[in-house]
Every structure is written in C-alpha cells, then in structure tokens.
Amino acid sequence: MRIAIIRKAHFNAAHKLHIATWSEERNFEVFGKCANPHYHGHNYEIEVKVTGDVDPETGILINLKELKQIIRLHVEDKFDHRNLNEEFEEFKTDVPTAENLCYVIWNILREQIEAKYDLSVRLWETPRNSVEYPA
C-alpha cells in the first residue's frame, strides 16, 4: 500500500529581498517592503510530506519520531531565529525568497531521508502564501 505522511514544523527567520547589483529604487519596485534594508521576519511553517510503501510487517511508512528529529535538527534548529541573508552561504548569491528557501530545505531533507521515499516540502511564509517543491 502506498501512502503519504505529513509532518508540520515551525521556525522564525529574518531576511530581505534584494539584488545587490540593482539600485535601491529597482529593488523596492520589484520586492516592495520586502526590500527593507533593515530586514523583516516571518513565522515560517513547513509541511514535510513523505510518500512510499507501508512496511507490511510494521504497518508504518516511516518512523515519525525519526522524521521529527530530522526536521528539528536539520531545519528548525538550523534556521530558527537566524538572518537568512547574513548567515547562510546559500543566500549569499541567491535571493532568500520563499521559493529558494523551500528548495534549500528540500535539498537538506533529501540528504537525510532515504531515497526509497518520495519527498515534498511546503513552506508557508504567511498564513495566505505558501510554496511547494517539487510542484
């Protein structure tokens, strides 16, 4: 039987959206208030979806305790109360948009979760705005 398990998690982080080679006016034109030079923060929510075949002996897809620990250690502890622009190599060149952050998180988790499972990540930047990878 093929099934999916979804685990939710949360972290807070600050960022600003800007491209260093652009003028301040152009950054504000494209990114609006998110280009604030003093940064701004989000209460990010994530949903990690793991899909695969249920083990016929145990009746489970994946150990939820292990999944919880992977997410806590590699996502929540890594990003919580951090400045995405200043503290992460990934965002020294890439703008820390929700899209890019979701992709970074997916790559981090993909390294930790066995390849036999399909993996997707949905990142909520606000209660009304989310992104998902893969789409």
C-alpha atoms as a PDB file:
ATOM      1  CA  MET A   1       0.000   0.000   0.000  1.00  0.00           C
ATOM      2  CA  ARG A   2       1.331   3.429  -0.990  1.00  0.00           C
ATOM      3  CA  ILE A   3       0.632   6.275   1.430  1.00  0.00           C
ATOM      4  CA  ALA A   4       1.893   9.709   2.487  1.00  0.00           C
ATOM      5  CA  ILE A   5       2.726  11.075   5.924  1.00  0.00           C
ATOM      6  CA  ILE A   6       2.895  14.804   6.559  1.00  0.00           C
ATOM      7  CA  ARG A   7       4.833  16.338   9.448  1.00  0.00           C
ATOM      8  CA  LYS A   8       4.475  20.027  10.330  1.00  0.00           C
ATOM      9  CA  ALA A   9       7.193  22.199  11.837  1.00  0.00           C
ATOM     10  CA  HIS A  10       7.878  25.877  12.547  1.00  0.00           C
ATOM     11  CA  PHE A  11      10.739  28.366  12.688  1.00  0.00           C
ATOM     12  CA  ASN A  12      11.208  32.153  12.704  1.00  0.00           C
ATOM     13  CA  ALA A  13      13.751  33.866  10.487  1.00  0.00           C
ATOM     14  CA  ALA A  14      14.597  37.291   9.081  1.00  0.00           C
ATOM     15  CA  HIS A  15      15.530  38.240   5.547  1.00  0.00           C
ATOM     16  CA  LYS A  16      15.378  40.977   2.957  1.00  0.00           C
ATOM     17  CA  LEU A  17      14.745  40.526  -0.711  1.00  0.00           C
ATOM     18  CA  HIS A  18      17.175  42.428  -2.861  1.00  0.00           C
ATOM     19  CA  ILE A  19      19.674  42.059  -5.632  1.00  0.00           C
ATOM     20  CA  ALA A  20      22.950  43.779  -4.809  1.00  0.00           C
ATOM     21  CA  THR A  21      23.638  44.927  -8.377  1.00  0.00           C
ATOM     22  CA  TRP A  22      20.274  46.713  -8.578  1.00  0.00           C
ATOM     23  CA  SER A  23      19.537  50.211  -7.337  1.00  0.00           C
ATOM     24  CA  GLU A  24      17.517  50.667  -4.153  1.00  0.00           C
ATOM     25  CA  GLU A  25      14.663  52.007  -6.300  1.00  0.00           C
ATOM     26  CA  ARG A  26      14.645  48.923  -8.545  1.00  0.00           C
ATOM     27  CA  ASN A  27      14.709  46.578  -5.530  1.00  0.00           C
ATOM     28  CA  PHE A  28      11.720  48.385  -3.978  1.00  0.00           C
ATOM     29  CA  GLU A  29       9.939  48.341  -7.342  1.00  0.00           C
ATOM     30  CA  VAL A  30      10.273  44.560  -7.617  1.00  0.00           C
ATOM     31  CA  PHE A  31      10.263  43.399  -3.974  1.00  0.00           C
ATOM     32  CA  GLY A  32       8.274  46.173  -2.274  1.00  0.00           C
ATOM     33  CA  LYS A  33       8.515  46.355   1.529  1.00  0.00           C
ATOM     34  CA  CYS A  34      10.425  43.073   1.488  1.00  0.00           C
ATOM     35  CA  ALA A  35      13.455  45.042   0.241  1.00  0.00           C
ATOM     36  CA  ASN A  36      13.645  46.929   3.557  1.00  0.00           C
ATOM     37  CA  PRO A  37      17.377  47.398   4.227  1.00  0.00           C
ATOM     38  CA  HIS A  38      16.757  46.658   7.916  1.00  0.00           C
ATOM     39  CA  TYR A  39      15.258  43.230   7.116  1.00  0.00           C
ATOM     40  CA  HIS A  40      11.923  41.789   8.227  1.00  0.00           C
ATOM     41  CA  GLY A  41      10.851  38.467   9.711  1.00  0.00           C
ATOM     42  CA  HIS A  42       8.433  35.617   9.142  1.00  0.00           C
ATOM     43  CA  ASN A  43       6.941  32.879  11.265  1.00  0.00           C
ATOM     44  CA  TYR A  44       7.562  30.103   8.764  1.00  0.00           C
ATOM     45  CA  GLU A  45       5.505  26.925   8.837  1.00  0.00           C
ATOM     46  CA  ILE A  46       6.610  23.874   6.913  1.00  0.00           C
ATOM     47  CA  GLU A  47       4.925  20.654   5.936  1.00  0.00           C
ATOM     48  CA  VAL A  48       7.179  17.759   5.042  1.00  0.00           C
ATOM     49  CA  LYS A  49       5.422  15.075   3.020  1.00  0.00           C
ATOM     50  CA  VAL A  50       6.981  11.622   2.793  1.00  0.00           C
ATOM     51  CA  THR A  51       5.377   9.155   0.392  1.00  0.00           C
ATOM     52  CA  GLY A  52       6.116   5.489  -0.071  1.00  0.00           C
ATOM     53  CA  ASP A  53       5.074   1.934   0.613  1.00  0.00           C
ATOM     54  CA  VAL A  54       3.923   0.846   4.042  1.00  0.00           C
ATOM     55  CA  ASP A  55       6.121  -1.847   5.574  1.00  0.00           C
ATOM     56  CA  PRO A  56       3.887  -4.946   5.633  1.00  0.00           C
ATOM     57  CA  GLU A  57       5.419  -6.176   8.892  1.00  0.00           C
ATOM     58  CA  THR A  58       5.256  -2.960  10.967  1.00  0.00           C
ATOM     59  CA  GLY A  59       2.331  -1.284   9.239  1.00  0.00           C
ATOM     60  CA  ILE A  60       4.194   2.050   9.137  1.00  0.00           C
ATOM     61  CA  LEU A  61       5.682   4.084   6.334  1.00  0.00           C
ATOM     62  CA  ILE A  62       8.443   5.845   8.261  1.00  0.00           C
ATOM     63  CA  ASN A  63       9.229   6.216  11.940  1.00  0.00           C
ATOM     64  CA  LEU A  64       7.608   9.520  12.898  1.00  0.00           C
ATOM     65  CA  LYS A  65       9.953  10.002  15.839  1.00  0.00           C
ATOM     66  CA  GLU A  66      12.931   9.810  13.469  1.00  0.00           C
ATOM     67  CA  LEU A  67      11.256  12.141  10.944  1.00  0.00           C
ATOM     68  CA  LYS A  68      10.534  14.652  13.728  1.00  0.00           C
ATOM     69  CA  GLN A  69      14.194  14.560  14.826  1.00  0.00           C
ATOM     70  CA  ILE A  70      15.474  15.009  11.259  1.00  0.00           C
ATOM     71  CA  ILE A  71      13.260  18.063  10.723  1.00  0.00           C
ATOM     72  CA  ARG A  72      14.114  19.566  14.111  1.00  0.00           C
ATOM     73  CA  LEU A  73      17.867  19.086  13.747  1.00  0.00           C
ATOM     74  CA  HIS A  74      18.296  19.949  10.067  1.00  0.00           C
ATOM     75  CA  VAL A  75      15.623  22.613   9.576  1.00  0.00           C
ATOM     76  CA  GLU A  76      14.182  24.093  12.772  1.00  0.00           C
ATOM     77  CA  ASP A  77      17.453  24.274  14.720  1.00  0.00           C
ATOM     78  CA  LYS A  78      19.347  25.428  11.626  1.00  0.00           C
ATOM     79  CA  PHE A  79      17.055  28.298  10.572  1.00  0.00           C
ATOM     80  CA  ASP A  80      15.219  29.384  13.734  1.00  0.00           C
ATOM     81  CA  HIS A  81      15.927  32.983  14.800  1.00  0.00           C
ATOM     82  CA  ARG A  82      18.533  33.444  12.094  1.00  0.00           C
ATOM     83  CA  ASN A  83      19.142  36.022   9.369  1.00  0.00           C
ATOM     84  CA  LEU A  84      18.908  34.186   6.065  1.00  0.00           C
ATOM     85  CA  ASN A  85      20.858  36.801   4.093  1.00  0.00           C
ATOM     86  CA  GLU A  86      23.725  37.114   6.533  1.00  0.00           C
ATOM     87  CA  GLU A  87      24.146  33.627   7.959  1.00  0.00           C
ATOM     88  CA  PHE A  88      23.721  31.178   5.078  1.00  0.00           C
ATOM     89  CA  GLU A  89      26.030  30.598   2.142  1.00  0.00           C
ATOM     90  CA  GLU A  90      23.045  29.564   0.016  1.00  0.00           C
ATOM     91  CA  PHE A  91      21.746  33.128   0.165  1.00  0.00           C
ATOM     92  CA  LYS A  92      24.997  34.960  -0.459  1.00  0.00           C
ATOM     93  CA  THR A  93      24.196  34.629  -4.180  1.00  0.00           C
ATOM     94  CA  ASP A  94      20.511  33.633  -4.278  1.00  0.00           C
ATOM     95  CA  VAL A  95      17.721  35.897  -3.040  1.00  0.00           C
ATOM     96  CA  PRO A  96      16.163  34.280   0.076  1.00  0.00           C
ATOM     97  CA  THR A  97      12.652  34.143  -1.359  1.00  0.00           C
ATOM     98  CA  ALA A  98      10.162  31.590  -0.092  1.00  0.00           C
ATOM     99  CA  GLU A  99      10.747  29.690  -3.330  1.00  0.00           C
ATOM    100  CA  ASN A 100      14.506  29.485  -2.829  1.00  0.00           C
ATOM    101  CA  LEU A 101      14.201  28.712   0.889  1.00  0.00           C
ATOM    102  CA  CYS A 102      11.760  25.872   0.190  1.00  0.00           C
ATOM    103  CA  TYR A 103      14.187  24.389  -2.351  1.00  0.00           C
ATOM    104  CA  VAL A 104      17.103  24.673   0.101  1.00  0.00           C
ATOM    105  CA  ILE A 105      15.080  22.911   2.797  1.00  0.00           C
ATOM    106  CA  TRP A 106      14.044  20.166   0.376  1.00  0.00           C
ATOM    107  CA  ASN A 107      17.703  19.545  -0.544  1.00  0.00           C
ATOM    108  CA  ILE A 108      18.724  19.400   3.119  1.00  0.00           C
ATOM    109  CA  LEU A 109      15.978  16.883   3.917  1.00  0.00           C
ATOM    110  CA  ARG A 110      16.580  14.871   0.743  1.00  0.00           C
ATOM    111  CA  GLU A 111      20.074  14.097   2.046  1.00  0.00           C
ATOM    112  CA  GLN A 112      18.615  12.838   5.351  1.00  0.00           C
ATOM    113  CA  ILE A 113      15.604  10.820   4.157  1.00  0.00           C
ATOM    114  CA  GLU A 114      16.090   7.539   2.322  1.00  0.00           C
ATOM    115  CA  ALA A 115      15.769   7.709  -1.468  1.00  0.00           C
ATOM    116  CA  LYS A 116      13.090   4.991  -1.412  1.00  0.00           C
ATOM    117  CA  TYR A 117      10.678   7.703  -0.228  1.00  0.00           C
ATOM    118  CA  ASP A 118       9.264  10.499  -2.338  1.00  0.00           C
ATOM    119  CA  LEU A 119       9.667  13.832  -0.570  1.00  0.00           C
ATOM    120  CA  SER A 120       7.964  17.190  -0.909  1.00  0.00           C
ATOM    121  CA  VAL A 121       8.124  20.336   1.196  1.00  0.00           C
ATOM    122  CA  ARG A 122       5.521  23.069   1.517  1.00  0.00           C
ATOM    123  CA  LEU A 123       6.724  26.290   3.132  1.00  0.00           C
ATOM    124  CA  TRP A 124       4.234  28.833   4.452  1.00  0.00           C
ATOM    125  CA  GLU A 125       5.724  32.321   4.614  1.00  0.00           C
ATOM    126  CA  THR A 126       2.412  33.835   5.737  1.00  0.00           C
ATOM    127  CA  PRO A 127      -0.961  32.252   6.512  1.00  0.00           C
ATOM    128  CA  ARG A 128      -2.014  33.074   2.922  1.00  0.00           C
ATOM    129  CA  ASN A 129       1.219  32.449   0.969  1.00  0.00           C
ATOM    130  CA  SER A 130       2.963  29.124   0.533  1.00  0.00           C
ATOM    131  CA  VAL A 131       5.297  27.444  -1.922  1.00  0.00           C
ATOM    132  CA  GLU A 132       5.854  23.768  -2.577  1.00  0.00           C
ATOM    133  CA  TYR A 133       8.747  21.766  -4.010  1.00  0.00           C
ATOM    134  CA  PRO A 134       8.531  19.720  -6.071  1.00  0.00           C
ATOM    135  CA  ALA A 135       5.426  21.263  -7.606  1.00  0.00           C
END
